[in-house]
N, C-alpha and C. Protein backbone atom coordinates (compact mmCIF):
# COMPACT_ATOMS: atom_id res chain seq x y z
N MET A 1 128.33 121.85 86.64
CA MET A 1 127.08 121.60 85.94
C MET A 1 125.97 122.44 86.57
N ALA A 2 125.18 123.09 85.72
CA ALA A 2 124.12 123.96 86.23
C ALA A 2 123.06 123.15 86.95
N GLN A 3 122.56 123.72 88.06
CA GLN A 3 121.51 123.08 88.84
C GLN A 3 120.31 124.02 88.89
N THR A 4 119.10 123.45 88.85
CA THR A 4 117.91 124.26 89.06
C THR A 4 117.71 124.47 90.54
N LEU A 5 116.73 125.31 90.89
CA LEU A 5 116.41 125.54 92.29
C LEU A 5 116.03 124.25 92.98
N ASP A 6 115.45 123.31 92.21
CA ASP A 6 114.96 122.07 92.79
C ASP A 6 116.02 120.98 92.83
N GLY A 7 117.28 121.31 92.48
CA GLY A 7 118.35 120.36 92.64
C GLY A 7 118.53 119.39 91.51
N VAL A 8 117.92 119.66 90.34
CA VAL A 8 118.02 118.74 89.22
C VAL A 8 118.94 119.33 88.16
N PRO A 9 119.91 118.56 87.64
CA PRO A 9 120.79 119.07 86.59
C PRO A 9 119.99 119.58 85.40
N SER A 10 120.43 120.69 84.80
CA SER A 10 119.67 121.32 83.72
C SER A 10 120.25 121.05 82.34
N ASP A 11 121.40 120.40 82.25
CA ASP A 11 122.05 120.18 80.96
C ASP A 11 121.69 118.80 80.43
N ILE A 12 120.63 118.69 79.62
CA ILE A 12 120.19 117.39 79.11
C ILE A 12 119.91 117.48 77.62
N ARG A 13 119.74 116.31 77.03
CA ARG A 13 119.38 116.23 75.61
C ARG A 13 117.90 115.89 75.50
N MET A 14 117.15 116.65 74.71
CA MET A 14 115.72 116.40 74.55
C MET A 14 115.39 115.68 73.26
N GLY A 15 116.37 115.42 72.43
CA GLY A 15 116.09 114.69 71.20
C GLY A 15 115.43 115.56 70.15
N GLN A 16 114.55 114.96 69.39
CA GLN A 16 113.98 115.64 68.23
C GLN A 16 113.16 116.86 68.60
N LEU A 17 112.57 116.87 69.78
CA LEU A 17 111.69 117.98 70.13
C LEU A 17 112.40 119.31 70.11
N ILE A 18 113.67 119.35 70.53
CA ILE A 18 114.39 120.61 70.51
C ILE A 18 115.63 120.54 69.63
N GLY A 19 115.90 119.38 69.03
CA GLY A 19 116.96 119.26 68.05
C GLY A 19 118.37 119.29 68.60
N GLU A 20 118.57 118.95 69.88
CA GLU A 20 119.92 118.97 70.46
C GLU A 20 120.48 117.55 70.48
N HIS A 21 120.70 116.97 69.31
CA HIS A 21 121.09 115.57 69.23
C HIS A 21 122.50 115.32 69.77
N ASP A 22 123.36 116.32 69.72
CA ASP A 22 124.75 116.12 70.10
C ASP A 22 125.07 116.56 71.52
N LYS A 23 124.07 117.06 72.22
CA LYS A 23 124.32 117.56 73.57
C LYS A 23 124.38 116.40 74.55
N PRO A 24 125.39 116.30 75.39
CA PRO A 24 125.50 115.16 76.31
C PRO A 24 124.38 115.17 77.34
N ARG A 25 123.91 113.98 77.68
CA ARG A 25 122.87 113.85 78.68
C ARG A 25 123.46 114.10 80.07
N ALA A 26 122.74 114.87 80.88
CA ALA A 26 123.23 115.22 82.21
C ALA A 26 123.06 114.06 83.17
N ARG A 27 123.80 114.16 84.25
CA ARG A 27 123.62 113.18 85.32
C ARG A 27 122.26 113.41 85.97
N PRO A 28 121.37 112.43 85.93
CA PRO A 28 120.02 112.64 86.46
C PRO A 28 119.98 112.52 87.97
N LEU A 29 118.83 112.83 88.51
CA LEU A 29 118.61 112.72 89.95
C LEU A 29 117.73 111.50 90.21
N TRP A 30 118.22 110.57 91.05
CA TRP A 30 117.45 109.38 91.41
C TRP A 30 116.84 109.59 92.79
N LEU A 31 115.54 109.37 92.88
CA LEU A 31 114.86 109.55 94.16
C LEU A 31 113.94 108.36 94.44
N PRO A 32 114.00 107.79 95.64
CA PRO A 32 112.96 106.85 96.04
C PRO A 32 111.60 107.56 96.01
N GLN A 33 110.54 106.79 95.91
CA GLN A 33 109.23 107.42 95.76
C GLN A 33 108.92 108.34 96.93
N SER A 34 109.33 107.98 98.14
CA SER A 34 109.06 108.83 99.30
C SER A 34 109.77 110.18 99.16
N GLU A 35 110.98 110.19 98.63
CA GLU A 35 111.71 111.44 98.44
C GLU A 35 111.16 112.21 97.25
N PHE A 36 110.65 111.50 96.24
CA PHE A 36 110.02 112.18 95.12
C PHE A 36 108.80 112.96 95.60
N VAL A 37 108.05 112.39 96.52
CA VAL A 37 106.87 113.08 97.05
C VAL A 37 107.28 114.41 97.67
N GLU A 38 108.37 114.42 98.44
CA GLU A 38 108.85 115.66 99.04
C GLU A 38 109.35 116.63 97.96
N TRP A 39 110.03 116.12 96.95
CA TRP A 39 110.48 116.96 95.84
C TRP A 39 109.28 117.61 95.15
N LEU A 40 108.21 116.83 94.95
CA LEU A 40 107.02 117.36 94.29
C LEU A 40 106.36 118.43 95.16
N ARG A 41 106.30 118.20 96.44
CA ARG A 41 105.70 119.19 97.35
C ARG A 41 106.45 120.52 97.26
N ARG A 42 107.79 120.46 97.28
CA ARG A 42 108.59 121.68 97.19
C ARG A 42 108.42 122.35 95.83
N LEU A 43 108.31 121.54 94.80
CA LEU A 43 108.12 122.08 93.45
C LEU A 43 106.82 122.87 93.36
N PHE A 44 105.72 122.28 93.85
CA PHE A 44 104.43 122.96 93.82
C PHE A 44 104.46 124.22 94.68
N ALA A 45 105.08 124.12 95.86
CA ALA A 45 105.11 125.27 96.76
C ALA A 45 105.90 126.43 96.18
N HIS A 46 106.95 126.12 95.41
CA HIS A 46 107.78 127.17 94.83
C HIS A 46 107.07 127.87 93.67
N HIS A 47 106.34 127.10 92.87
CA HIS A 47 105.69 127.67 91.68
C HIS A 47 104.22 127.93 91.98
N ARG A 48 103.94 129.09 92.55
CA ARG A 48 102.57 129.48 92.88
C ARG A 48 101.97 130.28 91.73
N SER A 49 100.64 130.29 91.67
CA SER A 49 99.92 130.97 90.59
C SER A 49 100.44 130.51 89.23
N ALA A 50 100.66 129.22 89.12
CA ALA A 50 101.25 128.64 87.91
C ALA A 50 100.27 127.67 87.26
N GLN A 51 100.56 127.33 85.99
CA GLN A 51 99.87 126.22 85.34
C GLN A 51 100.88 125.09 85.22
N ILE A 52 100.59 123.98 85.85
CA ILE A 52 101.51 122.84 85.87
C ILE A 52 100.87 121.69 85.11
N THR A 53 101.51 121.27 84.04
CA THR A 53 101.02 120.16 83.23
C THR A 53 101.84 118.92 83.56
N TRP A 54 101.15 117.87 83.96
CA TRP A 54 101.80 116.59 84.29
C TRP A 54 101.37 115.59 83.23
N VAL A 55 102.31 115.16 82.43
CA VAL A 55 102.04 114.21 81.34
C VAL A 55 102.45 112.82 81.80
N ASP A 56 101.49 111.90 81.81
CA ASP A 56 101.77 110.53 82.22
C ASP A 56 100.72 109.62 81.60
N PRO A 57 101.11 108.79 80.63
CA PRO A 57 100.10 107.94 79.97
C PRO A 57 99.41 106.98 80.93
N TYR A 58 100.03 106.68 82.08
CA TYR A 58 99.45 105.71 83.01
C TYR A 58 99.13 106.34 84.37
N MET A 59 98.83 107.62 84.38
CA MET A 59 98.46 108.28 85.63
C MET A 59 97.26 107.58 86.26
N ASP A 60 97.34 107.39 87.59
CA ASP A 60 96.21 106.81 88.30
C ASP A 60 95.93 107.61 89.56
N ASP A 61 95.27 107.00 90.52
CA ASP A 61 94.87 107.73 91.71
C ASP A 61 96.05 108.20 92.56
N VAL A 62 97.20 107.54 92.46
CA VAL A 62 98.36 107.93 93.26
C VAL A 62 98.78 109.36 92.92
N GLY A 63 98.95 109.65 91.64
CA GLY A 63 99.35 111.00 91.24
C GLY A 63 98.29 112.04 91.55
N ILE A 64 97.01 111.70 91.31
CA ILE A 64 95.93 112.64 91.59
C ILE A 64 95.88 112.98 93.07
N ASN A 65 96.05 111.97 93.92
CA ASN A 65 96.02 112.22 95.36
C ASN A 65 97.18 113.11 95.80
N LEU A 66 98.34 112.98 95.15
CA LEU A 66 99.46 113.85 95.49
C LEU A 66 99.17 115.30 95.10
N ILE A 67 98.59 115.49 93.93
CA ILE A 67 98.22 116.86 93.53
C ILE A 67 97.18 117.41 94.49
N ASN A 68 96.23 116.57 94.88
CA ASN A 68 95.20 116.99 95.82
C ASN A 68 95.82 117.41 97.15
N GLN A 69 96.82 116.67 97.59
CA GLN A 69 97.43 116.94 98.89
C GLN A 69 98.34 118.16 98.88
N TYR A 70 99.08 118.36 97.77
CA TYR A 70 100.12 119.38 97.76
C TYR A 70 99.84 120.54 96.80
N GLY A 71 98.74 120.48 96.06
CA GLY A 71 98.41 121.59 95.17
C GLY A 71 98.22 122.88 95.95
N VAL A 72 98.68 123.99 95.38
CA VAL A 72 98.63 125.27 96.08
C VAL A 72 97.55 126.15 95.47
N PRO A 73 96.96 127.06 96.26
CA PRO A 73 95.90 127.93 95.75
C PRO A 73 96.35 128.75 94.55
N ASP A 74 95.37 129.05 93.71
CA ASP A 74 95.56 129.91 92.53
C ASP A 74 96.43 129.27 91.45
N SER A 75 96.72 128.00 91.57
CA SER A 75 97.43 127.29 90.51
C SER A 75 96.48 126.33 89.80
N THR A 76 96.81 126.01 88.55
CA THR A 76 96.03 125.06 87.77
C THR A 76 96.91 123.86 87.46
N TYR A 77 96.38 122.67 87.68
CA TYR A 77 97.10 121.42 87.43
C TYR A 77 96.37 120.66 86.33
N LEU A 78 97.05 120.51 85.21
CA LEU A 78 96.49 119.81 84.05
C LEU A 78 97.20 118.48 83.91
N VAL A 79 96.44 117.40 83.97
CA VAL A 79 96.98 116.05 83.81
C VAL A 79 96.57 115.53 82.43
N LEU A 80 97.56 115.10 81.66
CA LEU A 80 97.32 114.48 80.36
C LEU A 80 97.67 113.01 80.48
N THR A 81 96.70 112.14 80.23
CA THR A 81 96.92 110.71 80.37
C THR A 81 96.23 109.97 79.24
N GLU A 82 96.59 108.71 79.07
CA GLU A 82 95.99 107.91 78.01
C GLU A 82 94.62 107.41 78.45
N HIS A 83 93.66 107.50 77.52
CA HIS A 83 92.31 107.03 77.83
C HIS A 83 91.67 106.52 76.55
N THR A 84 91.39 105.23 76.51
CA THR A 84 90.74 104.63 75.35
C THR A 84 89.24 104.80 75.47
N PRO A 85 88.56 105.28 74.43
CA PRO A 85 87.09 105.37 74.49
C PRO A 85 86.48 104.02 74.84
N GLU A 86 85.47 104.07 75.70
CA GLU A 86 84.85 102.83 76.15
C GLU A 86 83.90 102.28 75.10
N ALA A 87 84.10 101.02 74.76
CA ALA A 87 83.19 100.34 73.83
C ALA A 87 81.95 99.87 74.60
N PRO A 88 80.85 99.61 73.90
CA PRO A 88 79.65 99.10 74.58
C PRO A 88 79.95 97.80 75.32
N LEU A 89 79.25 97.59 76.43
CA LEU A 89 79.45 96.37 77.22
C LEU A 89 79.11 95.15 76.39
N SER A 90 79.98 94.14 76.47
CA SER A 90 79.76 92.91 75.71
C SER A 90 78.80 91.96 76.41
N ASP A 91 78.58 92.17 77.72
CA ASP A 91 77.71 91.26 78.46
C ASP A 91 76.33 91.87 78.71
N TRP A 92 75.91 92.79 77.84
CA TRP A 92 74.63 93.45 78.09
C TRP A 92 73.44 92.50 78.07
N PRO A 93 73.44 91.39 77.26
CA PRO A 93 72.28 90.48 77.35
C PRO A 93 72.14 89.85 78.74
N GLU A 94 73.30 89.44 79.34
CA GLU A 94 73.24 88.86 80.68
C GLU A 94 72.77 89.87 81.70
N ARG A 95 73.22 91.11 81.57
CA ARG A 95 72.79 92.15 82.49
C ARG A 95 71.30 92.44 82.35
N LEU A 96 70.82 92.43 81.12
CA LEU A 96 69.40 92.68 80.89
C LEU A 96 68.55 91.57 81.49
N LEU A 97 68.96 90.31 81.30
CA LEU A 97 68.22 89.18 81.87
C LEU A 97 68.22 89.25 83.40
N HIS A 98 69.35 89.67 83.97
CA HIS A 98 69.41 89.80 85.43
C HIS A 98 68.46 90.88 85.91
N ASP A 99 68.41 92.00 85.21
CA ASP A 99 67.50 93.09 85.59
C ASP A 99 66.05 92.64 85.53
N TRP A 100 65.75 91.72 84.62
CA TRP A 100 64.38 91.21 84.48
C TRP A 100 64.10 90.04 85.42
N GLY A 101 65.08 89.68 86.25
CA GLY A 101 64.90 88.56 87.15
C GLY A 101 64.95 87.21 86.49
N MET A 102 65.65 87.12 85.37
CA MET A 102 65.68 85.88 84.59
C MET A 102 67.08 85.29 84.48
N GLY A 103 68.00 85.76 85.28
CA GLY A 103 69.36 85.24 85.18
C GLY A 103 70.20 85.68 86.35
N PRO A 104 71.36 85.03 86.54
CA PRO A 104 72.26 85.41 87.65
C PRO A 104 72.90 86.77 87.39
N GLU A 105 73.39 87.36 88.46
CA GLU A 105 74.06 88.65 88.34
C GLU A 105 75.42 88.47 87.68
N PRO A 106 75.70 89.22 86.62
CA PRO A 106 77.02 89.10 85.96
C PRO A 106 78.14 89.49 86.92
N LYS A 107 79.30 88.90 86.70
CA LYS A 107 80.45 89.23 87.53
C LYS A 107 80.88 90.67 87.29
N SER A 108 81.19 91.35 88.37
CA SER A 108 81.64 92.74 88.26
C SER A 108 83.11 92.76 87.84
N LEU A 109 83.41 93.67 86.93
CA LEU A 109 84.80 93.83 86.52
C LEU A 109 85.57 94.60 87.59
N PRO A 110 86.85 94.30 87.78
CA PRO A 110 87.64 95.07 88.75
C PRO A 110 87.79 96.51 88.26
N PRO A 111 87.93 97.46 89.18
CA PRO A 111 88.08 98.86 88.76
C PRO A 111 89.29 99.04 87.85
N SER A 112 89.11 99.81 86.81
CA SER A 112 90.22 100.09 85.89
C SER A 112 91.06 101.24 86.43
N ARG A 113 92.18 101.49 85.76
CA ARG A 113 93.03 102.63 86.14
C ARG A 113 92.23 103.92 86.08
N ILE A 114 91.42 104.08 85.03
CA ILE A 114 90.62 105.30 84.89
C ILE A 114 89.55 105.36 85.97
N ASP A 115 88.97 104.23 86.35
CA ASP A 115 87.99 104.22 87.44
C ASP A 115 88.63 104.74 88.73
N ASN A 116 89.83 104.25 89.03
CA ASN A 116 90.53 104.71 90.24
C ASN A 116 90.89 106.18 90.15
N LEU A 117 91.29 106.62 88.96
CA LEU A 117 91.63 108.03 88.75
C LEU A 117 90.40 108.90 88.99
N LYS A 118 89.25 108.50 88.44
CA LYS A 118 88.02 109.28 88.61
C LYS A 118 87.61 109.33 90.07
N SER A 119 87.79 108.23 90.78
CA SER A 119 87.45 108.22 92.20
C SER A 119 88.30 109.23 92.97
N ALA A 120 89.59 109.30 92.64
CA ALA A 120 90.46 110.28 93.28
C ALA A 120 90.05 111.70 92.91
N CYS A 121 89.60 111.89 91.68
CA CYS A 121 89.13 113.21 91.25
C CYS A 121 87.89 113.64 92.03
N ARG A 122 87.01 112.70 92.31
CA ARG A 122 85.82 113.04 93.09
C ARG A 122 86.20 113.48 94.50
N SER A 123 87.26 112.90 95.04
CA SER A 123 87.75 113.35 96.34
C SER A 123 88.26 114.78 96.25
N TRP A 124 88.90 115.11 95.12
CA TRP A 124 89.37 116.49 94.90
C TRP A 124 88.19 117.45 94.95
N ALA A 125 87.06 117.07 94.35
CA ALA A 125 85.90 117.95 94.30
C ALA A 125 85.38 118.26 95.70
N ASP A 126 85.67 117.40 96.67
CA ASP A 126 85.23 117.62 98.04
C ASP A 126 86.24 118.41 98.87
N THR A 127 87.35 118.81 98.25
CA THR A 127 88.41 119.52 98.97
C THR A 127 88.46 120.97 98.51
N ALA A 128 88.35 121.88 99.45
CA ALA A 128 88.37 123.31 99.12
C ALA A 128 89.76 123.87 99.38
N HIS A 129 90.63 123.85 98.36
CA HIS A 129 91.96 124.41 98.56
C HIS A 129 92.32 125.46 97.52
N GLY A 130 91.38 125.88 96.69
CA GLY A 130 91.60 127.00 95.80
C GLY A 130 92.38 126.71 94.54
N ALA A 131 92.86 125.49 94.36
CA ALA A 131 93.56 125.12 93.12
C ALA A 131 92.56 124.48 92.16
N ARG A 132 92.93 124.44 90.90
CA ARG A 132 92.07 123.83 89.89
C ARG A 132 92.76 122.61 89.31
N LEU A 133 92.00 121.54 89.15
CA LEU A 133 92.50 120.31 88.55
C LEU A 133 91.72 120.01 87.29
N GLN A 134 92.44 119.78 86.20
CA GLN A 134 91.85 119.32 84.95
C GLN A 134 92.56 118.03 84.55
N VAL A 135 91.78 117.03 84.15
CA VAL A 135 92.34 115.77 83.68
C VAL A 135 91.78 115.50 82.29
N MET A 136 92.67 115.31 81.35
CA MET A 136 92.26 115.07 79.97
C MET A 136 92.78 113.72 79.50
N GLY A 137 91.91 112.94 78.89
CA GLY A 137 92.29 111.66 78.33
C GLY A 137 92.60 111.76 76.86
N LEU A 138 93.76 111.28 76.46
CA LEU A 138 94.17 111.32 75.06
C LEU A 138 94.17 109.91 74.48
N PRO A 139 93.97 109.79 73.18
CA PRO A 139 93.95 108.46 72.55
C PRO A 139 95.27 107.73 72.73
N PRO A 140 95.24 106.41 72.65
CA PRO A 140 96.49 105.63 72.75
C PRO A 140 97.50 106.09 71.71
N ASP A 141 98.76 106.01 72.06
CA ASP A 141 99.90 106.34 71.20
C ASP A 141 100.12 107.84 71.05
N GLU A 142 99.30 108.68 71.68
CA GLU A 142 99.58 110.11 71.67
C GLU A 142 100.68 110.46 72.67
N LEU A 143 100.70 109.76 73.79
CA LEU A 143 101.65 110.06 74.86
C LEU A 143 102.67 108.95 74.98
N HIS A 144 103.92 109.33 75.12
CA HIS A 144 104.99 108.34 75.26
C HIS A 144 105.89 108.63 76.46
N ASP A 145 106.04 109.91 76.81
CA ASP A 145 106.95 110.30 77.88
C ASP A 145 106.19 110.71 79.13
N ARG A 146 106.90 110.73 80.24
CA ARG A 146 106.37 111.27 81.49
C ARG A 146 107.13 112.55 81.78
N MET A 147 106.42 113.64 81.95
CA MET A 147 107.10 114.91 82.18
C MET A 147 106.18 115.89 82.89
N ILE A 148 106.80 116.89 83.48
CA ILE A 148 106.10 117.98 84.15
C ILE A 148 106.57 119.28 83.53
N LEU A 149 105.62 120.10 83.07
CA LEU A 149 105.92 121.41 82.49
C LEU A 149 105.25 122.47 83.34
N ILE A 150 106.01 123.50 83.68
CA ILE A 150 105.51 124.56 84.54
C ILE A 150 105.49 125.87 83.76
N ARG A 151 104.35 126.56 83.80
CA ARG A 151 104.22 127.88 83.19
C ARG A 151 103.81 128.88 84.27
N ASP A 152 104.22 130.13 84.06
CA ASP A 152 103.87 131.16 85.03
C ASP A 152 102.44 131.66 84.77
N ALA A 153 102.04 132.69 85.50
CA ALA A 153 100.67 133.20 85.39
C ALA A 153 100.36 133.73 84.00
N GLN A 154 101.38 134.10 83.24
CA GLN A 154 101.20 134.56 81.86
C GLN A 154 101.37 133.42 80.85
N LEU A 155 101.43 132.18 81.36
CA LEU A 155 101.56 130.96 80.55
C LEU A 155 102.90 130.85 79.85
N LYS A 156 103.90 131.58 80.33
CA LYS A 156 105.25 131.42 79.80
C LYS A 156 105.89 130.19 80.44
N PRO A 157 106.41 129.25 79.64
CA PRO A 157 107.06 128.07 80.23
C PRO A 157 108.34 128.46 80.95
N ILE A 158 108.47 128.02 82.20
CA ILE A 158 109.61 128.44 83.00
C ILE A 158 110.43 127.28 83.56
N ALA A 159 109.89 126.06 83.53
CA ALA A 159 110.64 124.91 84.03
C ALA A 159 109.98 123.64 83.51
N GLY A 160 110.78 122.59 83.39
CA GLY A 160 110.24 121.31 82.94
C GLY A 160 111.14 120.17 83.37
N TYR A 161 110.54 119.00 83.54
CA TYR A 161 111.28 117.83 84.02
C TYR A 161 110.78 116.57 83.33
N TYR A 162 111.71 115.72 82.97
CA TYR A 162 111.39 114.37 82.52
C TYR A 162 111.40 113.43 83.72
N LEU A 163 110.42 112.52 83.77
CA LEU A 163 110.36 111.48 84.79
C LEU A 163 110.58 110.13 84.12
N SER A 164 111.29 109.26 84.80
CA SER A 164 111.67 107.99 84.17
C SER A 164 110.51 107.03 84.00
N HIS A 165 109.54 107.07 84.91
CA HIS A 165 108.42 106.15 84.80
C HIS A 165 107.22 106.71 85.55
N SER A 166 106.10 106.03 85.39
CA SER A 166 104.86 106.49 86.00
C SER A 166 104.89 106.29 87.51
N LEU A 167 104.20 107.19 88.19
CA LEU A 167 104.10 107.10 89.64
C LEU A 167 102.86 106.28 89.97
N GLN A 168 103.05 104.98 90.10
CA GLN A 168 101.95 104.07 90.39
C GLN A 168 102.29 103.24 91.61
N ARG A 169 101.23 102.68 92.22
CA ARG A 169 101.42 101.92 93.45
C ARG A 169 102.38 100.76 93.25
N GLU A 170 102.27 100.09 92.09
CA GLU A 170 103.13 98.93 91.86
C GLU A 170 104.58 99.32 91.59
N ASN A 171 104.83 100.62 91.36
CA ASN A 171 106.19 101.09 91.15
C ASN A 171 106.80 101.70 92.41
N GLY A 172 106.16 101.47 93.55
CA GLY A 172 106.56 102.16 94.77
C GLY A 172 107.99 101.92 95.20
N ASN A 173 108.57 100.77 94.86
CA ASN A 173 109.94 100.47 95.28
C ASN A 173 110.98 100.82 94.23
N ILE A 174 110.55 101.39 93.12
CA ILE A 174 111.48 101.73 92.04
C ILE A 174 111.80 103.22 92.12
N PRO A 175 113.07 103.60 92.29
CA PRO A 175 113.41 105.03 92.32
C PRO A 175 113.05 105.71 91.00
N LEU A 176 112.60 106.94 91.10
CA LEU A 176 112.34 107.73 89.91
C LEU A 176 113.59 108.50 89.51
N THR A 177 113.80 108.60 88.22
CA THR A 177 114.88 109.41 87.68
C THR A 177 114.27 110.71 87.16
N ILE A 178 114.79 111.83 87.62
CA ILE A 178 114.29 113.15 87.23
C ILE A 178 115.39 113.89 86.50
N THR A 179 115.08 114.41 85.33
CA THR A 179 116.05 115.17 84.56
C THR A 179 115.40 116.46 84.08
N SER A 180 116.07 117.58 84.31
CA SER A 180 115.53 118.87 83.89
C SER A 180 115.55 119.02 82.38
N ILE A 181 114.58 119.73 81.87
CA ILE A 181 114.53 120.09 80.46
C ILE A 181 115.20 121.46 80.31
N PRO A 182 116.15 121.60 79.39
CA PRO A 182 116.85 122.89 79.25
C PRO A 182 115.91 124.01 78.85
N ASP A 183 116.26 125.21 79.25
CA ASP A 183 115.40 126.37 79.02
C ASP A 183 115.06 126.55 77.55
N ASN A 184 116.02 126.29 76.66
CA ASN A 184 115.76 126.54 75.24
C ASN A 184 114.86 125.49 74.61
N GLY A 185 114.45 124.49 75.38
CA GLY A 185 113.51 123.50 74.86
C GLY A 185 112.11 123.65 75.41
N LEU A 186 111.92 124.54 76.39
CA LEU A 186 110.62 124.63 77.05
C LEU A 186 109.53 125.15 76.13
N ARG A 187 109.84 126.15 75.31
CA ARG A 187 108.82 126.71 74.42
C ARG A 187 108.36 125.68 73.40
N ASN A 188 109.30 124.94 72.82
CA ASN A 188 108.92 123.90 71.87
C ASN A 188 108.05 122.84 72.53
N LEU A 189 108.39 122.47 73.75
CA LEU A 189 107.59 121.49 74.46
C LEU A 189 106.19 122.02 74.75
N ALA A 190 106.10 123.27 75.18
CA ALA A 190 104.80 123.87 75.46
C ALA A 190 103.94 123.91 74.20
N ASP A 191 104.54 124.31 73.07
CA ASP A 191 103.80 124.35 71.81
C ASP A 191 103.35 122.95 71.39
N TYR A 192 104.22 121.97 71.59
CA TYR A 192 103.88 120.59 71.24
C TYR A 192 102.68 120.10 72.05
N LEU A 193 102.68 120.36 73.35
CA LEU A 193 101.56 119.92 74.18
C LEU A 193 100.29 120.68 73.84
N ASP A 194 100.41 121.99 73.59
CA ASP A 194 99.23 122.77 73.21
C ASP A 194 98.62 122.26 71.92
N ASP A 195 99.45 121.96 70.93
CA ASP A 195 98.96 121.45 69.66
C ASP A 195 98.27 120.10 69.84
N MET A 196 98.83 119.26 70.69
CA MET A 196 98.25 117.94 70.92
C MET A 196 96.88 118.06 71.58
N VAL A 197 96.77 118.93 72.58
CA VAL A 197 95.48 119.13 73.25
C VAL A 197 94.46 119.70 72.28
N ALA A 198 94.86 120.68 71.48
CA ALA A 198 93.94 121.27 70.51
C ALA A 198 93.46 120.24 69.50
N ARG A 199 94.36 119.36 69.08
CA ARG A 199 94.00 118.32 68.12
C ARG A 199 92.97 117.35 68.70
N VAL A 200 93.16 117.00 69.96
CA VAL A 200 92.21 116.08 70.61
C VAL A 200 90.86 116.74 70.81
N LEU A 201 90.85 118.00 71.20
CA LEU A 201 89.59 118.70 71.38
C LEU A 201 88.86 118.88 70.07
N THR A 202 89.60 119.09 68.98
CA THR A 202 88.98 119.19 67.66
C THR A 202 88.41 117.85 67.24
N ALA A 203 89.14 116.78 67.51
CA ALA A 203 88.67 115.44 67.14
C ALA A 203 87.41 115.07 67.89
N GLU A 204 87.23 115.62 69.10
CA GLU A 204 86.03 115.32 69.89
C GLU A 204 84.77 115.67 69.11
N ASN A 205 84.83 116.77 68.35
CA ASN A 205 83.65 117.23 67.63
C ASN A 205 83.35 116.40 66.39
N THR A 206 84.30 115.54 65.97
CA THR A 206 84.09 114.72 64.78
C THR A 206 84.03 113.24 65.11
N GLN A 207 84.13 112.88 66.41
CA GLN A 207 84.12 111.48 66.82
C GLN A 207 82.70 110.93 66.71
N THR A 208 82.54 109.85 65.96
CA THR A 208 81.21 109.27 65.76
C THR A 208 81.11 107.84 66.26
N ASP A 209 82.22 107.12 66.36
CA ASP A 209 82.17 105.71 66.74
C ASP A 209 81.83 105.53 68.21
N PHE A 210 82.31 106.43 69.07
CA PHE A 210 82.07 106.33 70.50
C PHE A 210 81.65 107.70 71.01
N ASN A 211 80.94 107.68 72.12
CA ASN A 211 80.62 108.93 72.80
C ASN A 211 81.82 109.32 73.65
N PHE A 212 82.83 109.90 73.01
CA PHE A 212 84.12 110.13 73.65
C PHE A 212 84.25 111.59 74.04
N ASN A 213 84.43 111.83 75.33
CA ASN A 213 84.70 113.17 75.84
C ASN A 213 86.10 113.15 76.45
N PRO A 214 87.05 113.90 75.89
CA PRO A 214 88.42 113.85 76.40
C PRO A 214 88.57 114.43 77.80
N ILE A 215 87.61 115.25 78.24
CA ILE A 215 87.70 115.84 79.57
C ILE A 215 87.20 114.83 80.59
N ILE A 216 88.14 114.21 81.30
CA ILE A 216 87.78 113.23 82.32
C ILE A 216 87.29 113.93 83.58
N PHE A 217 87.91 115.05 83.91
CA PHE A 217 87.52 115.78 85.12
C PHE A 217 87.96 117.22 85.00
N ASP A 218 87.13 118.12 85.53
CA ASP A 218 87.48 119.53 85.65
C ASP A 218 86.87 120.03 86.95
N SER A 219 87.72 120.38 87.90
CA SER A 219 87.20 120.78 89.21
C SER A 219 86.38 122.06 89.12
N ALA A 220 86.58 122.86 88.06
CA ALA A 220 85.77 124.07 87.91
C ALA A 220 84.31 123.73 87.66
N ALA A 221 84.07 122.56 87.05
CA ALA A 221 82.71 122.12 86.78
C ALA A 221 82.23 121.09 87.79
N HIS A 222 83.15 120.56 88.60
CA HIS A 222 82.83 119.55 89.61
C HIS A 222 82.11 118.36 89.00
N ILE A 223 82.68 117.87 87.88
CA ILE A 223 82.10 116.69 87.25
C ILE A 223 83.20 115.67 87.07
N ALA A 224 82.83 114.40 87.13
CA ALA A 224 83.77 113.32 86.88
C ALA A 224 83.02 112.11 86.38
C-alpha cells in the first residue's frame, strides 16, 4: 500500500467529491493527540512556503495555538470554521439599567468557542514568526468534514488529509484517525473549498440581517 512522506496510507475513497465510490478505503493511521501534535509539526516543517487550509467546523483555541507554535515562516495558514452571526443581546434592557445605576450587573456569559479562538488569534498577533494566519467563519451546515489541504507556492494542491474529529480540549483522550486524500482528488477538493470561500465572501456583501464579517482574523491586518 502506498505511503506518503508523513506515513499515512494514500489509497482512500473520497466519496462524491472525487467520484471514487468503488475504491476500497485504506487502513487509516490512529494517533493519540500527543502524537498527532508531533505529526502536525513534521507536516508543517516539511511543507514550507505553502498555503495550508485546515477545515474544522469546531476549531477552537487548541488548533490555533498549535499553528502558532509550529507554523513556519513564509507559509499561510487558512482556517475554515463554523461561525453563526451574532444576534443582538437579549438582555440589553438589564445592561442599560445597570449602566445607569438602576439595576444589578447582568450575569456574564461564559466564553464561547469563537471567543476562545479569537483570544488565541490575538496571541498570534503578538508573535513574530513570519507566517500568516487567516481564520474565516462560515455559516452553519457549510462545513461537515475535518481536513487539511496543502498547496505549494503556486497554489497547486500537493497533499491532503482527512481527520476523524475536531482537535478540542475535551477530545484530548480520543485518538485521531488520519487518512490521506488521493492525488487525483486534490484538485477537486481545492476547487470545492475555493468556491465555498468565494460564495461566503460574496454573501457578505448582501447580508442585511446581521453585521456579519466572515473574516474572524487576519494576521496581515492584526485584527481580531
